[in-house]
Amino acid sequence: MRKRSRKQEPEINQIAVRIVKDSTGEPDLSNEDARKALAQALGRLGGLKGGKARAAKMTDAERRESASIAARARWAKKNR
């Protein structure tokens, strides 16, 4: 005789974790789209401050060299 299947009820600990996450506003990372969106937001934050932090650490000569390389790359794209 086949066993009857029935829906498993969520464990009390799982319910408690979900309640805490909802109350603290912590994002639910079980969804892949939510994880991707969070990773994109974190990457953008790092990207926004990256260039300024790098430029602050460079000397004037290093900054000038970096700018000339970037300018050459931009002009090379326009001529294609």
C-alpha atoms as a PDB file:
ATOM      1  CA  MET A   1       0.000   0.000   0.000  1.00  0.00           C
ATOM      2  CA  ARG A   2       1.284   3.434  -0.930  1.00  0.00           C
ATOM      3  CA  LYS A   3       1.996   5.957   1.762  1.00  0.00           C
ATOM      4  CA  ARG A   4      -0.116   9.036   1.704  1.00  0.00           C
ATOM      5  CA  SER A   5       1.796  12.166   1.050  1.00  0.00           C
ATOM      6  CA  ARG A   6       1.045  15.223   3.036  1.00  0.00           C
ATOM      7  CA  LYS A   7       2.508  18.656   3.199  1.00  0.00           C
ATOM      8  CA  GLN A   8       5.283  18.988   5.701  1.00  0.00           C
ATOM      9  CA  GLU A   9       4.759  21.799   8.109  1.00  0.00           C
ATOM     10  CA  PRO A  10       7.718  24.162   8.479  1.00  0.00           C
ATOM     11  CA  GLU A  11       9.888  23.570  11.508  1.00  0.00           C
ATOM     12  CA  ILE A  12       9.461  25.991  14.411  1.00  0.00           C
ATOM     13  CA  ASN A  13      13.091  27.142  14.090  1.00  0.00           C
ATOM     14  CA  GLN A  14      12.596  28.013  10.420  1.00  0.00           C
ATOM     15  CA  ILE A  15       9.522  30.046  11.317  1.00  0.00           C
ATOM     16  CA  ALA A  16      11.470  31.861  14.042  1.00  0.00           C
ATOM     17  CA  VAL A  17      14.325  32.710  11.662  1.00  0.00           C
ATOM     18  CA  ARG A  18      11.884  34.061   9.078  1.00  0.00           C
ATOM     19  CA  ILE A  19      10.165  36.240  11.702  1.00  0.00           C
ATOM     20  CA  VAL A  20      13.489  37.696  12.892  1.00  0.00           C
ATOM     21  CA  LYS A  21      14.620  38.428   9.320  1.00  0.00           C
ATOM     22  CA  ASP A  22      11.314  40.118   8.520  1.00  0.00           C
ATOM     23  CA  SER A  23      11.398  42.241  11.659  1.00  0.00           C
ATOM     24  CA  THR A  24      15.020  43.366  11.201  1.00  0.00           C
ATOM     25  CA  GLY A  25      14.606  44.085   7.500  1.00  0.00           C
ATOM     26  CA  GLU A  26      17.291  41.604   6.510  1.00  0.00           C
ATOM     27  CA  PRO A  27      16.869  40.585   2.859  1.00  0.00           C
ATOM     28  CA  ASP A  28      15.803  37.037   2.074  1.00  0.00           C
ATOM     29  CA  LEU A  29      18.760  35.565   0.197  1.00  0.00           C
ATOM     30  CA  SER A  30      17.097  32.279  -0.671  1.00  0.00           C
ATOM     31  CA  ASN A  31      15.920  33.880  -3.923  1.00  0.00           C
ATOM     32  CA  GLU A  32      18.643  34.021  -6.601  1.00  0.00           C
ATOM     33  CA  ASP A  33      17.390  37.332  -8.003  1.00  0.00           C
ATOM     34  CA  ALA A  34      17.622  38.924  -4.555  1.00  0.00           C
ATOM     35  CA  ARG A  35      21.207  37.698  -4.179  1.00  0.00           C
ATOM     36  CA  LYS A  36      22.147  39.107  -7.586  1.00  0.00           C
ATOM     37  CA  ALA A  37      20.565  42.475  -6.821  1.00  0.00           C
ATOM     38  CA  LEU A  38      22.383  42.693  -3.497  1.00  0.00           C
ATOM     39  CA  ALA A  39      25.719  41.781  -5.118  1.00  0.00           C
ATOM     40  CA  GLN A  40      25.192  44.414  -7.819  1.00  0.00           C
ATOM     41  CA  ALA A  41      24.430  47.080  -5.212  1.00  0.00           C
ATOM     42  CA  LEU A  42      27.541  46.214  -3.200  1.00  0.00           C
ATOM     43  CA  GLY A  43      29.691  46.222  -6.329  1.00  0.00           C
ATOM     44  CA  ARG A  44      28.356  49.602  -7.320  1.00  0.00           C
ATOM     45  CA  LEU A  45      29.198  51.047  -3.907  1.00  0.00           C
ATOM     46  CA  GLY A  46      32.786  49.884  -4.249  1.00  0.00           C
ATOM     47  CA  GLY A  47      32.983  51.132  -7.813  1.00  0.00           C
ATOM     48  CA  LEU A  48      31.792  54.599  -6.903  1.00  0.00           C
ATOM     49  CA  LYS A  49      34.554  55.165  -4.379  1.00  0.00           C
ATOM     50  CA  GLY A  50      37.276  53.178  -6.148  1.00  0.00           C
ATOM     51  CA  GLY A  51      38.557  55.784  -8.592  1.00  0.00           C
ATOM     52  CA  LYS A  52      38.674  58.593  -6.054  1.00  0.00           C
ATOM     53  CA  ALA A  53      40.510  56.441  -3.518  1.00  0.00           C
ATOM     54  CA  ARG A  54      43.003  55.293  -6.155  1.00  0.00           C
ATOM     55  CA  ALA A  55      43.637  58.863  -7.327  1.00  0.00           C
ATOM     56  CA  ALA A  56      44.182  60.070  -3.760  1.00  0.00           C
ATOM     57  CA  LYS A  57      46.978  57.515  -3.284  1.00  0.00           C
ATOM     58  CA  MET A  58      48.776  58.397  -6.557  1.00  0.00           C
ATOM     59  CA  THR A  59      51.490  60.991  -6.977  1.00  0.00           C
ATOM     60  CA  ASP A  60      51.053  63.758  -9.547  1.00  0.00           C
ATOM     61  CA  ALA A  61      53.276  61.958 -12.052  1.00  0.00           C
ATOM     62  CA  GLU A  62      51.365  58.684 -11.653  1.00  0.00           C
ATOM     63  CA  ARG A  63      48.046  60.498 -12.060  1.00  0.00           C
ATOM     64  CA  ARG A  64      49.296  62.249 -15.202  1.00  0.00           C
ATOM     65  CA  GLU A  65      50.509  58.946 -16.693  1.00  0.00           C
ATOM     66  CA  SER A  66      47.194  57.225 -15.921  1.00  0.00           C
ATOM     67  CA  ALA A  67      45.248  60.094 -17.477  1.00  0.00           C
ATOM     68  CA  SER A  68      47.307  60.016 -20.656  1.00  0.00           C
ATOM     69  CA  ILE A  69      46.790  56.240 -21.018  1.00  0.00           C
ATOM     70  CA  ALA A  70      43.056  56.732 -20.556  1.00  0.00           C
ATOM     71  CA  ALA A  71      42.985  59.560 -23.108  1.00  0.00           C
ATOM     72  CA  ARG A  72      44.842  57.432 -25.660  1.00  0.00           C
ATOM     73  CA  ALA A  73      42.355  54.609 -25.111  1.00  0.00           C
ATOM     74  CA  ARG A  74      39.402  56.972 -25.606  1.00  0.00           C
ATOM     75  CA  TRP A  75      40.849  58.410 -28.822  1.00  0.00           C
ATOM     76  CA  ALA A  76      41.619  54.947 -30.133  1.00  0.00           C
ATOM     77  CA  LYS A  77      37.949  53.982 -29.709  1.00  0.00           C
ATOM     78  CA  LYS A  78      36.722  57.049 -31.603  1.00  0.00           C
ATOM     79  CA  ASN A  79      38.910  56.375 -34.649  1.00  0.00           C
ATOM     80  CA  ARG A  80      37.672  52.805 -35.162  1.00  0.00           C
END
